[in-house]
Amino acid sequence: MSKIRLDKLYTLYDASEIKDIWNAAQTVPCIKDPKEGFISPYKYRTNKSSKPCPYCGKKMVHGKQYSTQSKEEAKKRGYEYKTIDGKSYINQAGSSYYHEHYVTIDHKLNKARFPEKMFDYDNLEAICWRCNNEKSDNLIFELEHKLEHLKSLKKSVFNRYPNAHQTSPEKRQ
């Protein structure tokens, strides 16, 4: 049996090529929206502005008024936030700094692993930049988030109705 070079197994596709393709298509109508037909990724994000992020519930923002070229200005505007591990962070792409809840397009299936689904409407989800950073490549992020939500809901119910867990099944019907 021939040996496979390990470096060939690390990535299936060249990440820089995938990034270049994605970046070049930001204003090209390449996403087939069920209601509007083909739209650009920019238009997709614009359509999701002012909607709540599906993970944190914060209103997502979009547009030039939510970005700046100055790191100091970004701090003044309140774009800096603490990550899960407590580090200060400001969203940055190139030389621009963005609001923490700026609309991003998340690929449910990673575009580097599944480039054929890069512009597939069903593989895209608008989420805020902060949640997208937290999610990273974690494919079970959504399940983990829902579990935390359910635990919080359970705690809230039992705080409000302390005897709820003691009710017999017959009484619940």
N, C-alpha and C. Protein backbone atom coordinates (compact mmCIF):
# COMPACT_ATOMS: atom_id res chain seq x y z
N MET A 1 0.85 -1.18 0.00
CA MET A 1 0.00 0.00 0.00
C MET A 1 0.89 1.24 0.00
N SER A 2 0.61 2.19 -0.86
CA SER A 2 1.43 3.40 -0.94
C SER A 2 1.11 4.34 0.21
N LYS A 3 2.09 5.10 0.61
CA LYS A 3 1.90 6.06 1.71
C LYS A 3 1.29 7.34 1.17
N ILE A 4 0.40 7.92 1.96
CA ILE A 4 -0.22 9.19 1.61
C ILE A 4 0.51 10.28 2.37
N ARG A 5 0.87 11.33 1.67
CA ARG A 5 1.54 12.45 2.34
C ARG A 5 0.54 13.15 3.25
N LEU A 6 0.94 13.35 4.50
CA LEU A 6 0.05 13.98 5.49
C LEU A 6 -0.38 15.38 5.09
N ASP A 7 0.51 16.14 4.46
CA ASP A 7 0.14 17.51 4.08
C ASP A 7 -1.02 17.53 3.09
N LYS A 8 -1.22 16.45 2.36
CA LYS A 8 -2.34 16.37 1.42
C LYS A 8 -3.67 16.14 2.14
N LEU A 9 -3.60 15.63 3.36
CA LEU A 9 -4.83 15.35 4.11
C LEU A 9 -5.34 16.52 4.92
N TYR A 10 -4.49 17.51 5.17
CA TYR A 10 -4.89 18.62 6.03
C TYR A 10 -6.02 19.45 5.45
N THR A 11 -5.99 19.72 4.17
CA THR A 11 -7.08 20.47 3.55
C THR A 11 -7.46 19.82 2.23
N LEU A 12 -8.73 19.87 1.96
CA LEU A 12 -9.20 19.35 0.68
C LEU A 12 -9.10 20.41 -0.40
N TYR A 13 -9.22 21.66 0.00
CA TYR A 13 -9.19 22.77 -0.94
C TYR A 13 -8.25 23.83 -0.40
N ASP A 14 -7.72 24.64 -1.27
CA ASP A 14 -6.83 25.72 -0.86
C ASP A 14 -7.68 26.85 -0.27
N ALA A 15 -7.51 27.10 1.02
CA ALA A 15 -8.32 28.10 1.73
C ALA A 15 -8.20 29.49 1.12
N SER A 16 -7.01 29.86 0.64
CA SER A 16 -6.84 31.20 0.07
C SER A 16 -7.63 31.34 -1.23
N GLU A 17 -7.72 30.27 -2.01
CA GLU A 17 -8.52 30.33 -3.24
C GLU A 17 -10.00 30.48 -2.91
N ILE A 18 -10.46 29.74 -1.91
CA ILE A 18 -11.87 29.83 -1.49
C ILE A 18 -12.17 31.25 -1.02
N LYS A 19 -11.28 31.81 -0.22
CA LYS A 19 -11.46 33.18 0.29
C LYS A 19 -11.50 34.17 -0.87
N ASP A 20 -10.61 34.02 -1.84
CA ASP A 20 -10.58 34.92 -3.00
C ASP A 20 -11.89 34.85 -3.78
N ILE A 21 -12.40 33.65 -3.99
CA ILE A 21 -13.66 33.48 -4.73
C ILE A 21 -14.80 34.15 -3.97
N TRP A 22 -14.86 33.91 -2.65
CA TRP A 22 -15.92 34.50 -1.82
C TRP A 22 -15.84 36.02 -1.85
N ASN A 23 -14.65 36.57 -1.66
CA ASN A 23 -14.49 38.02 -1.63
C ASN A 23 -14.81 38.67 -2.98
N ALA A 24 -14.45 38.02 -4.06
CA ALA A 24 -14.71 38.57 -5.40
C ALA A 24 -16.20 38.60 -5.73
N ALA A 25 -16.98 37.77 -5.07
CA ALA A 25 -18.40 37.65 -5.41
C ALA A 25 -19.32 38.48 -4.52
N GLN A 26 -18.79 39.38 -3.71
CA GLN A 26 -19.63 40.10 -2.75
C GLN A 26 -20.71 40.97 -3.39
N THR A 27 -20.49 41.45 -4.59
CA THR A 27 -21.51 42.27 -5.26
C THR A 27 -22.10 41.58 -6.49
N VAL A 28 -21.78 40.31 -6.66
CA VAL A 28 -22.28 39.54 -7.81
C VAL A 28 -23.54 38.77 -7.39
N PRO A 29 -24.64 38.89 -8.15
CA PRO A 29 -25.85 38.14 -7.81
C PRO A 29 -25.62 36.63 -7.99
N CYS A 30 -25.27 35.95 -6.92
CA CYS A 30 -24.92 34.53 -7.01
C CYS A 30 -25.65 33.66 -5.99
N ILE A 31 -26.49 34.28 -5.15
CA ILE A 31 -27.27 33.54 -4.15
C ILE A 31 -28.72 33.55 -4.62
N LYS A 32 -29.30 32.38 -4.77
CA LYS A 32 -30.68 32.31 -5.24
C LYS A 32 -31.64 32.39 -4.06
N ASP A 33 -32.13 33.60 -3.81
CA ASP A 33 -33.09 33.85 -2.75
C ASP A 33 -34.46 33.37 -3.24
N PRO A 34 -35.20 32.61 -2.42
CA PRO A 34 -36.49 32.09 -2.87
C PRO A 34 -37.51 33.17 -3.23
N LYS A 35 -37.39 34.36 -2.62
CA LYS A 35 -38.35 35.44 -2.88
C LYS A 35 -37.87 36.42 -3.94
N GLU A 36 -36.56 36.73 -3.93
CA GLU A 36 -36.04 37.79 -4.79
C GLU A 36 -35.26 37.31 -6.01
N GLY A 37 -35.06 36.03 -6.14
CA GLY A 37 -34.22 35.53 -7.23
C GLY A 37 -32.75 35.68 -6.86
N PHE A 38 -31.90 35.86 -7.85
CA PHE A 38 -30.47 35.95 -7.57
C PHE A 38 -30.10 37.30 -6.96
N ILE A 39 -29.41 37.24 -5.82
CA ILE A 39 -28.95 38.44 -5.13
C ILE A 39 -27.48 38.27 -4.75
N SER A 40 -26.83 39.37 -4.47
CA SER A 40 -25.42 39.34 -4.06
C SER A 40 -25.32 39.08 -2.56
N PRO A 41 -24.16 38.62 -2.09
CA PRO A 41 -23.96 38.50 -0.64
C PRO A 41 -24.18 39.83 0.08
N TYR A 42 -23.79 40.94 -0.56
CA TYR A 42 -24.01 42.26 0.03
C TYR A 42 -25.51 42.51 0.24
N LYS A 43 -26.32 42.20 -0.77
CA LYS A 43 -27.77 42.37 -0.69
C LYS A 43 -28.36 41.43 0.37
N TYR A 44 -27.84 40.22 0.45
CA TYR A 44 -28.29 39.25 1.46
C TYR A 44 -28.11 39.83 2.86
N ARG A 45 -26.92 40.41 3.12
CA ARG A 45 -26.65 41.01 4.44
C ARG A 45 -27.55 42.23 4.67
N THR A 46 -27.73 43.05 3.64
CA THR A 46 -28.59 44.23 3.75
C THR A 46 -30.01 43.82 4.14
N ASN A 47 -30.51 42.75 3.53
CA ASN A 47 -31.86 42.26 3.83
C ASN A 47 -32.01 41.80 5.28
N LYS A 48 -30.93 41.39 5.90
CA LYS A 48 -30.99 40.87 7.27
C LYS A 48 -30.71 41.94 8.32
N SER A 49 -30.36 43.14 7.89
CA SER A 49 -30.11 44.24 8.82
C SER A 49 -31.37 44.54 9.62
N SER A 50 -31.20 44.88 10.88
CA SER A 50 -32.28 45.18 11.83
C SER A 50 -33.03 43.94 12.32
N LYS A 51 -32.67 42.77 11.83
CA LYS A 51 -33.28 41.53 12.30
C LYS A 51 -32.46 41.02 13.49
N PRO A 52 -33.05 40.23 14.39
CA PRO A 52 -32.28 39.69 15.51
C PRO A 52 -31.35 38.56 15.07
N CYS A 53 -30.19 38.52 15.68
CA CYS A 53 -29.26 37.40 15.45
C CYS A 53 -29.93 36.15 16.01
N PRO A 54 -29.92 35.04 15.27
CA PRO A 54 -30.59 33.83 15.76
C PRO A 54 -29.94 33.22 17.01
N TYR A 55 -28.74 33.66 17.36
CA TYR A 55 -28.06 33.08 18.52
C TYR A 55 -28.12 33.98 19.75
N CYS A 56 -27.78 35.25 19.61
CA CYS A 56 -27.76 36.13 20.79
C CYS A 56 -29.01 36.99 20.90
N GLY A 57 -29.79 37.10 19.81
CA GLY A 57 -31.02 37.88 19.84
C GLY A 57 -30.83 39.38 19.66
N LYS A 58 -29.59 39.84 19.54
CA LYS A 58 -29.31 41.27 19.37
C LYS A 58 -29.62 41.69 17.94
N LYS A 59 -30.08 42.94 17.79
CA LYS A 59 -30.39 43.46 16.46
C LYS A 59 -29.10 43.58 15.65
N MET A 60 -29.10 43.00 14.46
CA MET A 60 -27.92 43.08 13.59
C MET A 60 -27.95 44.39 12.81
N VAL A 61 -26.76 44.90 12.51
CA VAL A 61 -26.63 46.17 11.80
C VAL A 61 -25.81 45.96 10.53
N HIS A 62 -25.97 46.88 9.59
CA HIS A 62 -25.25 46.78 8.32
C HIS A 62 -25.12 48.17 7.72
N GLY A 63 -24.03 48.41 7.05
CA GLY A 63 -23.82 49.68 6.37
C GLY A 63 -22.56 50.38 6.84
N LYS A 64 -22.15 51.37 6.06
CA LYS A 64 -20.90 52.09 6.35
C LYS A 64 -20.91 52.80 7.69
N GLN A 65 -22.09 53.20 8.17
CA GLN A 65 -22.15 53.91 9.45
C GLN A 65 -21.77 53.00 10.62
N TYR A 66 -21.65 51.70 10.40
CA TYR A 66 -21.27 50.76 11.46
C TYR A 66 -19.85 50.23 11.28
N SER A 67 -19.04 50.98 10.56
CA SER A 67 -17.63 50.63 10.40
C SER A 67 -16.79 51.90 10.40
N THR A 68 -15.51 51.72 10.66
CA THR A 68 -14.59 52.85 10.67
C THR A 68 -13.19 52.35 10.34
N GLN A 69 -12.36 53.25 9.85
CA GLN A 69 -10.97 52.92 9.54
C GLN A 69 -10.08 53.09 10.77
N SER A 70 -10.59 53.70 11.82
CA SER A 70 -9.80 54.01 13.01
C SER A 70 -10.13 53.08 14.18
N LYS A 71 -9.11 52.46 14.73
CA LYS A 71 -9.31 51.59 15.89
C LYS A 71 -9.79 52.41 17.09
N GLU A 72 -9.24 53.61 17.25
CA GLU A 72 -9.66 54.47 18.37
C GLU A 72 -11.13 54.88 18.22
N GLU A 73 -11.53 55.20 17.00
CA GLU A 73 -12.93 55.55 16.74
C GLU A 73 -13.84 54.35 17.03
N ALA A 74 -13.39 53.16 16.65
CA ALA A 74 -14.16 51.94 16.92
C ALA A 74 -14.37 51.76 18.42
N LYS A 75 -13.34 52.03 19.20
CA LYS A 75 -13.45 51.93 20.66
C LYS A 75 -14.43 52.98 21.20
N LYS A 76 -14.35 54.22 20.67
CA LYS A 76 -15.26 55.28 21.10
C LYS A 76 -16.71 54.92 20.81
N ARG A 77 -16.93 54.28 19.66
CA ARG A 77 -18.29 53.89 19.27
C ARG A 77 -18.80 52.66 20.03
N GLY A 78 -17.95 52.03 20.80
CA GLY A 78 -18.37 50.87 21.58
C GLY A 78 -18.30 49.55 20.82
N TYR A 79 -17.47 49.48 19.79
CA TYR A 79 -17.36 48.25 19.00
C TYR A 79 -16.53 47.18 19.71
N GLU A 80 -15.76 47.58 20.70
CA GLU A 80 -14.91 46.62 21.41
C GLU A 80 -15.76 45.82 22.40
N TYR A 81 -15.50 44.53 22.47
CA TYR A 81 -16.23 43.67 23.40
C TYR A 81 -15.30 42.58 23.93
N LYS A 82 -15.78 41.87 24.93
CA LYS A 82 -15.01 40.78 25.53
C LYS A 82 -15.43 39.45 24.89
N THR A 83 -14.43 38.66 24.51
CA THR A 83 -14.70 37.33 23.95
C THR A 83 -15.02 36.37 25.09
N ILE A 84 -15.38 35.16 24.76
CA ILE A 84 -15.71 34.14 25.77
C ILE A 84 -14.57 33.97 26.77
N ASP A 85 -13.34 34.05 26.29
CA ASP A 85 -12.19 33.88 27.18
C ASP A 85 -11.75 35.17 27.86
N GLY A 86 -12.58 36.24 27.74
CA GLY A 86 -12.33 37.49 28.46
C GLY A 86 -11.39 38.48 27.80
N LYS A 87 -10.98 38.21 26.57
CA LYS A 87 -10.07 39.11 25.87
C LYS A 87 -10.86 40.22 25.16
N SER A 88 -10.27 41.41 25.13
CA SER A 88 -10.89 42.52 24.39
C SER A 88 -10.72 42.27 22.90
N TYR A 89 -11.78 42.56 22.14
CA TYR A 89 -11.75 42.25 20.71
C TYR A 89 -12.57 43.28 19.94
N ILE A 90 -12.10 43.63 18.75
CA ILE A 90 -12.86 44.47 17.82
C ILE A 90 -12.87 43.74 16.49
N ASN A 91 -14.04 43.59 15.89
CA ASN A 91 -14.14 42.94 14.58
C ASN A 91 -13.38 43.75 13.55
N GLN A 92 -12.56 43.07 12.76
CA GLN A 92 -11.75 43.76 11.76
C GLN A 92 -11.67 42.93 10.49
N ALA A 93 -11.81 43.61 9.37
CA ALA A 93 -11.60 43.02 8.05
C ALA A 93 -10.77 44.02 7.26
N GLY A 94 -9.59 43.61 6.86
CA GLY A 94 -8.69 44.54 6.18
C GLY A 94 -8.33 45.67 7.13
N SER A 95 -8.53 46.89 6.69
CA SER A 95 -8.21 48.05 7.53
C SER A 95 -9.45 48.66 8.19
N SER A 96 -10.57 47.96 8.11
CA SER A 96 -11.82 48.47 8.70
C SER A 96 -12.19 47.72 9.96
N TYR A 97 -12.81 48.46 10.90
CA TYR A 97 -13.29 47.91 12.17
C TYR A 97 -14.82 47.99 12.16
N TYR A 98 -15.47 46.96 12.70
CA TYR A 98 -16.92 46.85 12.59
C TYR A 98 -17.61 46.66 13.94
N HIS A 99 -18.86 47.08 13.97
CA HIS A 99 -19.75 46.90 15.12
C HIS A 99 -19.80 45.41 15.47
N GLU A 100 -19.93 45.09 16.76
CA GLU A 100 -19.92 43.68 17.17
C GLU A 100 -21.11 42.89 16.62
N HIS A 101 -22.23 43.57 16.32
CA HIS A 101 -23.40 42.87 15.80
C HIS A 101 -23.63 43.17 14.31
N TYR A 102 -22.54 43.48 13.61
CA TYR A 102 -22.61 43.68 12.16
C TYR A 102 -23.02 42.35 11.51
N VAL A 103 -23.89 42.42 10.53
CA VAL A 103 -24.38 41.21 9.86
C VAL A 103 -23.24 40.51 9.12
N THR A 104 -23.11 39.22 9.37
CA THR A 104 -22.18 38.39 8.59
C THR A 104 -22.97 37.24 8.00
N ILE A 105 -22.40 36.62 7.00
CA ILE A 105 -23.02 35.44 6.42
C ILE A 105 -22.22 34.23 6.91
N ASP A 106 -22.91 33.37 7.62
CA ASP A 106 -22.28 32.15 8.10
C ASP A 106 -22.63 31.02 7.15
N HIS A 107 -21.68 30.17 6.92
CA HIS A 107 -21.90 28.97 6.11
C HIS A 107 -22.10 27.81 7.09
N LYS A 108 -23.29 27.24 7.10
CA LYS A 108 -23.57 26.14 8.02
C LYS A 108 -22.57 25.02 7.80
N LEU A 109 -22.32 24.69 6.53
CA LEU A 109 -21.25 23.77 6.18
C LEU A 109 -20.10 24.63 5.68
N ASN A 110 -18.96 24.51 6.32
CA ASN A 110 -17.79 25.32 6.05
C ASN A 110 -17.47 25.41 4.55
N LYS A 111 -17.28 26.64 4.06
CA LYS A 111 -17.04 26.83 2.63
C LYS A 111 -15.71 26.25 2.17
N ALA A 112 -14.74 26.11 3.07
CA ALA A 112 -13.46 25.50 2.69
C ALA A 112 -13.61 23.99 2.50
N ARG A 113 -14.51 23.40 3.25
CA ARG A 113 -14.72 21.95 3.14
C ARG A 113 -15.77 21.59 2.10
N PHE A 114 -16.71 22.51 1.89
CA PHE A 114 -17.80 22.27 0.94
C PHE A 114 -17.95 23.47 0.01
N PRO A 115 -16.95 23.75 -0.83
CA PRO A 115 -17.02 24.95 -1.68
C PRO A 115 -18.19 24.94 -2.65
N GLU A 116 -18.69 23.76 -2.99
CA GLU A 116 -19.83 23.69 -3.91
C GLU A 116 -21.10 24.26 -3.27
N LYS A 117 -21.10 24.42 -1.94
CA LYS A 117 -22.26 24.98 -1.23
C LYS A 117 -22.04 26.43 -0.81
N MET A 118 -20.97 27.04 -1.32
CA MET A 118 -20.59 28.38 -0.92
C MET A 118 -21.71 29.41 -1.11
N PHE A 119 -22.46 29.31 -2.20
CA PHE A 119 -23.51 30.28 -2.51
C PHE A 119 -24.91 29.65 -2.43
N ASP A 120 -25.02 28.48 -1.83
CA ASP A 120 -26.28 27.77 -1.68
C ASP A 120 -27.11 28.43 -0.58
N TYR A 121 -28.26 28.98 -0.93
CA TYR A 121 -29.11 29.72 0.02
C TYR A 121 -29.39 28.91 1.28
N ASP A 122 -29.64 27.61 1.13
CA ASP A 122 -29.96 26.77 2.29
C ASP A 122 -28.75 26.52 3.19
N ASN A 123 -27.56 26.83 2.72
CA ASN A 123 -26.35 26.66 3.54
C ASN A 123 -25.94 27.97 4.20
N LEU A 124 -26.65 29.04 3.92
CA LEU A 124 -26.28 30.36 4.46
C LEU A 124 -27.20 30.76 5.60
N GLU A 125 -26.62 31.50 6.54
CA GLU A 125 -27.39 32.01 7.66
C GLU A 125 -26.79 33.34 8.08
N ALA A 126 -27.65 34.35 8.24
CA ALA A 126 -27.17 35.65 8.70
C ALA A 126 -27.07 35.60 10.21
N ILE A 127 -25.86 35.86 10.73
CA ILE A 127 -25.65 35.95 12.18
C ILE A 127 -24.72 37.12 12.44
N CYS A 128 -24.76 37.64 13.65
CA CYS A 128 -23.90 38.78 13.95
C CYS A 128 -22.44 38.34 13.99
N TRP A 129 -21.56 39.31 13.78
CA TRP A 129 -20.13 39.04 13.70
C TRP A 129 -19.63 38.37 14.97
N ARG A 130 -20.11 38.85 16.12
CA ARG A 130 -19.65 38.30 17.40
C ARG A 130 -19.99 36.81 17.50
N CYS A 131 -21.22 36.44 17.21
CA CYS A 131 -21.62 35.02 17.27
C CYS A 131 -20.89 34.20 16.22
N ASN A 132 -20.65 34.78 15.05
CA ASN A 132 -19.92 34.07 14.01
C ASN A 132 -18.50 33.76 14.48
N ASN A 133 -17.87 34.70 15.17
CA ASN A 133 -16.53 34.45 15.72
C ASN A 133 -16.58 33.36 16.79
N GLU A 134 -17.59 33.40 17.64
CA GLU A 134 -17.72 32.38 18.68
C GLU A 134 -17.96 31.01 18.06
N LYS A 135 -18.75 30.98 17.01
CA LYS A 135 -19.06 29.71 16.35
C LYS A 135 -17.83 29.13 15.68
N SER A 136 -17.08 29.96 14.99
CA SER A 136 -15.91 29.52 14.25
C SER A 136 -16.29 28.34 13.35
N ASP A 137 -15.58 27.22 13.43
CA ASP A 137 -15.89 26.04 12.62
C ASP A 137 -16.63 24.96 13.40
N ASN A 138 -17.20 25.33 14.55
CA ASN A 138 -17.89 24.38 15.41
C ASN A 138 -19.24 24.01 14.77
N LEU A 139 -19.34 22.81 14.23
CA LEU A 139 -20.55 22.39 13.54
C LEU A 139 -21.72 22.11 14.50
N ILE A 140 -21.45 21.98 15.80
CA ILE A 140 -22.54 21.74 16.75
C ILE A 140 -22.83 22.98 17.60
N PHE A 141 -22.33 24.14 17.17
CA PHE A 141 -22.56 25.39 17.90
C PHE A 141 -24.04 25.64 18.11
N GLU A 142 -24.84 25.42 17.08
CA GLU A 142 -26.28 25.66 17.17
C GLU A 142 -26.91 24.77 18.25
N LEU A 143 -26.51 23.50 18.29
CA LEU A 143 -27.05 22.59 19.31
C LEU A 143 -26.61 23.00 20.70
N GLU A 144 -25.34 23.38 20.84
CA GLU A 144 -24.85 23.84 22.14
C GLU A 144 -25.60 25.09 22.60
N HIS A 145 -25.85 25.99 21.65
CA HIS A 145 -26.57 27.22 21.97
C HIS A 145 -28.00 26.91 22.41
N LYS A 146 -28.66 26.00 21.70
CA LYS A 146 -30.03 25.63 22.06
C LYS A 146 -30.07 24.95 23.43
N LEU A 147 -29.07 24.12 23.72
CA LEU A 147 -29.01 23.45 25.02
C LEU A 147 -28.89 24.49 26.14
N GLU A 148 -28.02 25.48 25.95
CA GLU A 148 -27.87 26.53 26.96
C GLU A 148 -29.18 27.30 27.13
N HIS A 149 -29.86 27.57 26.02
CA HIS A 149 -31.15 28.27 26.07
C HIS A 149 -32.18 27.45 26.86
N LEU A 150 -32.25 26.14 26.59
CA LEU A 150 -33.20 25.28 27.29
C LEU A 150 -32.89 25.19 28.78
N LYS A 151 -31.61 25.12 29.13
CA LYS A 151 -31.22 25.10 30.55
C LYS A 151 -31.65 26.39 31.24
N SER A 152 -31.45 27.51 30.55
CA SER A 152 -31.84 28.81 31.10
C SER A 152 -33.35 28.89 31.26
N LEU A 153 -34.08 28.39 30.28
CA LEU A 153 -35.54 28.38 30.33
C LEU A 153 -36.03 27.52 31.49
N LYS A 154 -35.43 26.35 31.65
CA LYS A 154 -35.80 25.46 32.76
C LYS A 154 -35.57 26.15 34.10
N LYS A 155 -34.43 26.78 34.24
CA LYS A 155 -34.11 27.48 35.49
C LYS A 155 -35.13 28.58 35.77
N SER A 156 -35.49 29.32 34.72
CA SER A 156 -36.45 30.40 34.86
C SER A 156 -37.82 29.87 35.28
N VAL A 157 -38.25 28.77 34.67
CA VAL A 157 -39.55 28.17 35.01
C VAL A 157 -39.56 27.70 36.46
N PHE A 158 -38.49 27.01 36.88
CA PHE A 158 -38.44 26.50 38.25
C PHE A 158 -38.28 27.61 39.27
N ASN A 159 -37.69 28.73 38.88
CA ASN A 159 -37.63 29.88 39.79
C ASN A 159 -39.01 30.51 39.95
N ARG A 160 -39.75 30.56 38.86
CA ARG A 160 -41.08 31.17 38.89
C ARG A 160 -42.11 30.23 39.53
N TYR A 161 -41.99 28.94 39.22
CA TYR A 161 -42.92 27.93 39.74
C TYR A 161 -42.11 26.85 40.46
N PRO A 162 -41.73 27.10 41.72
CA PRO A 162 -40.82 26.21 42.43
C PRO A 162 -41.32 24.77 42.56
N ASN A 163 -42.61 24.55 42.54
CA ASN A 163 -43.14 23.20 42.70
C ASN A 163 -43.45 22.52 41.36
N ALA A 164 -43.09 23.14 40.25
CA ALA A 164 -43.41 22.59 38.93
C ALA A 164 -42.82 21.21 38.72
N HIS A 165 -41.63 20.97 39.22
CA HIS A 165 -40.98 19.67 39.01
C HIS A 165 -41.57 18.58 39.91
N GLN A 166 -42.43 18.96 40.87
CA GLN A 166 -43.02 17.98 41.78
C GLN A 166 -44.42 17.56 41.34
N THR A 167 -44.94 18.16 40.30
CA THR A 167 -46.29 17.85 39.82
C THR A 167 -46.29 16.45 39.22
N SER A 168 -47.26 15.64 39.60
CA SER A 168 -47.35 14.27 39.07
C SER A 168 -47.85 14.31 37.63
N PRO A 169 -47.51 13.29 36.84
CA PRO A 169 -47.95 13.25 35.43
C PRO A 169 -49.46 13.31 35.28
N GLU A 170 -50.21 12.72 36.23
CA GLU A 170 -51.67 12.72 36.13
C GLU A 170 -52.23 14.14 36.24
N LYS A 171 -51.61 14.96 37.09
CA LYS A 171 -52.10 16.32 37.31
C LYS A 171 -51.77 17.23 36.12
N ARG A 172 -50.73 16.88 35.36
CA ARG A 172 -50.33 17.72 34.22
C ARG A 172 -51.30 17.58 33.05
N GLN A 173 -52.04 16.50 33.01
CA GLN A 173 -52.93 16.27 31.87
C GLN A 173 -54.22 16.91 32.11
